[in-house]
């Protein structure tokens, strides 16, 4: 997570072995911090980028950035 272009937070998730050419699903629930610990929405809006990168072992295979 980038805020004003600066690193803010990092979430790491690991998958186990995935059978090639199979269809799989995955669900992750991330709980929000208490309200007094959150950055106000008016500061986050338009100033936050979520970057997602998928790896095969240590090799990145896909990446996307969403504002």
N, C-alpha and C. Protein backbone atom coordinates (compact mmCIF):
# COMPACT_ATOMS: atom_id res chain seq x y z
N UNK A 1 0.85 -1.16 0.00
CA UNK A 1 0.00 0.00 0.00
C UNK A 1 0.90 1.24 0.00
N UNK A 2 0.68 2.12 -0.96
CA UNK A 2 1.43 3.37 -1.06
C UNK A 2 0.49 4.53 -0.74
N UNK A 3 0.98 5.48 0.04
CA UNK A 3 0.22 6.67 0.42
C UNK A 3 1.08 7.87 0.05
N UNK A 4 0.58 8.70 -0.86
CA UNK A 4 1.36 9.83 -1.40
C UNK A 4 2.70 9.33 -1.97
N UNK A 5 2.68 8.13 -2.60
CA UNK A 5 3.86 7.57 -3.22
C UNK A 5 4.87 6.94 -2.28
N UNK A 6 4.58 6.96 -0.98
CA UNK A 6 5.49 6.39 0.02
C UNK A 6 4.91 5.09 0.57
N UNK A 7 5.79 4.11 0.81
CA UNK A 7 5.37 2.84 1.38
C UNK A 7 4.66 3.06 2.71
N UNK A 8 3.47 2.48 2.86
CA UNK A 8 2.70 2.62 4.09
C UNK A 8 2.53 1.28 4.80
N UNK A 9 2.20 0.24 4.02
CA UNK A 9 1.87 -1.04 4.64
C UNK A 9 2.11 -2.16 3.64
N UNK A 10 2.42 -3.35 4.14
CA UNK A 10 2.70 -4.51 3.29
C UNK A 10 1.99 -5.71 3.87
N UNK A 11 1.29 -6.43 3.02
CA UNK A 11 0.62 -7.67 3.44
C UNK A 11 1.19 -8.80 2.61
N UNK A 12 1.66 -9.86 3.25
CA UNK A 12 2.24 -11.02 2.56
C UNK A 12 1.33 -12.23 2.78
N UNK A 13 1.00 -12.90 1.70
CA UNK A 13 0.17 -14.10 1.76
C UNK A 13 0.89 -15.21 1.01
N UNK A 14 0.78 -16.45 1.50
CA UNK A 14 1.40 -17.58 0.83
C UNK A 14 0.34 -18.60 0.45
N UNK A 15 0.47 -19.12 -0.75
CA UNK A 15 -0.35 -20.23 -1.21
C UNK A 15 0.49 -21.49 -1.07
N UNK A 16 -0.17 -22.61 -0.89
CA UNK A 16 0.53 -23.89 -0.94
C UNK A 16 0.67 -24.30 -2.40
N UNK A 17 0.95 -25.56 -2.63
CA UNK A 17 1.08 -26.09 -3.98
C UNK A 17 -0.24 -25.95 -4.72
N UNK A 18 -0.19 -25.52 -5.97
CA UNK A 18 -1.37 -25.41 -6.82
C UNK A 18 -1.17 -26.34 -8.00
N UNK A 19 -2.12 -27.23 -8.24
CA UNK A 19 -2.03 -28.16 -9.36
C UNK A 19 -2.11 -27.38 -10.67
N UNK A 20 -1.15 -27.58 -11.58
CA UNK A 20 -1.17 -26.86 -12.85
C UNK A 20 -2.48 -27.08 -13.61
N UNK A 21 -2.96 -26.03 -14.28
CA UNK A 21 -4.18 -26.05 -15.09
C UNK A 21 -5.44 -26.36 -14.28
N UNK A 22 -5.41 -26.12 -12.97
CA UNK A 22 -6.59 -26.34 -12.14
C UNK A 22 -7.26 -25.01 -11.86
N UNK A 23 -8.49 -25.06 -11.40
CA UNK A 23 -9.22 -23.86 -11.00
C UNK A 23 -9.28 -23.87 -9.48
N UNK A 24 -8.86 -22.75 -8.88
CA UNK A 24 -8.79 -22.67 -7.42
C UNK A 24 -9.41 -21.37 -6.94
N UNK A 25 -9.86 -21.35 -5.71
CA UNK A 25 -10.36 -20.13 -5.11
C UNK A 25 -9.60 -19.88 -3.81
N UNK A 26 -9.64 -18.62 -3.38
CA UNK A 26 -8.94 -18.25 -2.16
C UNK A 26 -9.67 -17.07 -1.56
N UNK A 27 -9.84 -17.06 -0.28
CA UNK A 27 -10.52 -15.97 0.40
C UNK A 27 -9.66 -15.53 1.57
N UNK A 28 -9.49 -14.21 1.71
CA UNK A 28 -8.71 -13.66 2.82
C UNK A 28 -9.53 -12.53 3.44
N UNK A 29 -9.68 -12.52 4.72
CA UNK A 29 -10.39 -11.46 5.42
C UNK A 29 -9.38 -10.62 6.19
N UNK A 30 -9.39 -9.32 5.93
CA UNK A 30 -8.50 -8.39 6.62
C UNK A 30 -9.36 -7.49 7.49
N UNK A 31 -9.12 -7.50 8.77
CA UNK A 31 -9.92 -6.70 9.68
C UNK A 31 -9.34 -5.30 9.81
N UNK A 32 -10.22 -4.33 9.85
CA UNK A 32 -9.81 -2.93 9.96
C UNK A 32 -9.33 -2.62 11.38
N UNK A 33 -8.49 -1.62 11.47
CA UNK A 33 -8.03 -1.12 12.77
C UNK A 33 -9.19 -0.39 13.45
N UNK A 34 -9.02 -0.08 14.72
CA UNK A 34 -10.02 0.74 15.41
C UNK A 34 -10.10 2.10 14.73
N UNK A 35 -11.25 2.73 14.76
CA UNK A 35 -11.47 3.99 14.03
C UNK A 35 -10.47 5.08 14.39
N UNK A 36 -10.08 5.16 15.65
CA UNK A 36 -9.14 6.21 16.06
C UNK A 36 -7.73 5.97 15.53
N UNK A 37 -7.45 4.76 15.04
CA UNK A 37 -6.14 4.43 14.47
C UNK A 37 -6.10 4.58 12.95
N UNK A 38 -7.25 4.84 12.34
CA UNK A 38 -7.34 4.92 10.88
C UNK A 38 -6.99 6.31 10.35
N UNK A 39 -6.46 6.33 9.12
CA UNK A 39 -6.23 7.59 8.41
C UNK A 39 -7.59 8.05 7.87
N UNK A 40 -7.95 9.30 8.04
CA UNK A 40 -9.25 9.77 7.57
C UNK A 40 -9.45 9.54 6.06
N UNK A 41 -10.66 9.16 5.67
CA UNK A 41 -10.98 8.85 4.28
C UNK A 41 -10.65 10.01 3.34
N UNK A 42 -10.85 11.25 3.77
CA UNK A 42 -10.58 12.39 2.89
C UNK A 42 -9.09 12.52 2.56
N UNK A 43 -8.21 11.99 3.40
CA UNK A 43 -6.77 11.98 3.09
C UNK A 43 -6.42 10.82 2.16
N UNK A 44 -7.07 9.68 2.36
CA UNK A 44 -6.79 8.50 1.56
C UNK A 44 -7.29 8.62 0.13
N UNK A 45 -8.43 9.26 -0.05
CA UNK A 45 -9.10 9.33 -1.34
C UNK A 45 -8.20 9.98 -2.41
N UNK A 46 -7.87 9.20 -3.45
CA UNK A 46 -7.03 9.68 -4.53
C UNK A 46 -5.55 9.71 -4.24
N UNK A 47 -5.16 9.41 -3.02
CA UNK A 47 -3.75 9.47 -2.61
C UNK A 47 -3.18 8.11 -2.26
N UNK A 48 -3.97 7.06 -2.45
CA UNK A 48 -3.57 5.71 -2.06
C UNK A 48 -3.50 4.81 -3.28
N UNK A 49 -2.45 4.01 -3.38
CA UNK A 49 -2.29 3.03 -4.46
C UNK A 49 -2.09 1.66 -3.81
N UNK A 50 -2.87 0.68 -4.27
CA UNK A 50 -2.71 -0.70 -3.85
C UNK A 50 -1.97 -1.42 -4.98
N UNK A 51 -0.80 -1.96 -4.68
CA UNK A 51 -0.04 -2.71 -5.67
C UNK A 51 -0.05 -4.18 -5.29
N UNK A 52 -0.46 -5.02 -6.25
CA UNK A 52 -0.52 -6.45 -6.04
C UNK A 52 0.47 -7.12 -6.98
N UNK A 53 1.34 -7.98 -6.46
CA UNK A 53 2.30 -8.71 -7.26
C UNK A 53 2.20 -10.19 -6.93
N UNK A 54 2.10 -11.01 -7.95
CA UNK A 54 2.06 -12.46 -7.79
C UNK A 54 3.41 -13.03 -8.19
N UNK A 55 3.88 -14.00 -7.42
CA UNK A 55 5.20 -14.60 -7.64
C UNK A 55 5.07 -16.09 -7.87
N UNK A 56 5.97 -16.63 -8.67
CA UNK A 56 6.20 -18.07 -8.78
C UNK A 56 7.57 -18.28 -8.14
N UNK A 57 7.57 -18.80 -6.92
CA UNK A 57 8.76 -18.84 -6.07
C UNK A 57 9.24 -17.41 -5.87
N UNK A 58 10.45 -17.06 -6.34
CA UNK A 58 10.95 -15.70 -6.17
C UNK A 58 10.76 -14.84 -7.42
N UNK A 59 10.16 -15.41 -8.47
CA UNK A 59 10.02 -14.68 -9.74
C UNK A 59 8.65 -14.02 -9.85
N UNK A 60 8.59 -12.70 -10.00
CA UNK A 60 7.30 -12.05 -10.19
C UNK A 60 6.70 -12.44 -11.54
N UNK A 61 5.41 -12.80 -11.55
CA UNK A 61 4.76 -13.22 -12.80
C UNK A 61 3.64 -12.27 -13.21
N UNK A 62 3.13 -11.45 -12.29
CA UNK A 62 2.08 -10.49 -12.62
C UNK A 62 2.07 -9.40 -11.56
N UNK A 63 1.73 -8.19 -11.97
CA UNK A 63 1.67 -7.07 -11.05
C UNK A 63 0.60 -6.09 -11.53
N UNK A 64 -0.11 -5.48 -10.60
CA UNK A 64 -1.07 -4.45 -10.95
C UNK A 64 -1.11 -3.37 -9.87
N UNK A 65 -1.43 -2.16 -10.28
CA UNK A 65 -1.56 -1.04 -9.35
C UNK A 65 -2.95 -0.44 -9.52
N UNK A 66 -3.62 -0.21 -8.42
CA UNK A 66 -4.96 0.37 -8.43
C UNK A 66 -4.98 1.58 -7.53
N UNK A 67 -5.47 2.71 -8.04
CA UNK A 67 -5.60 3.92 -7.23
C UNK A 67 -7.00 3.97 -6.69
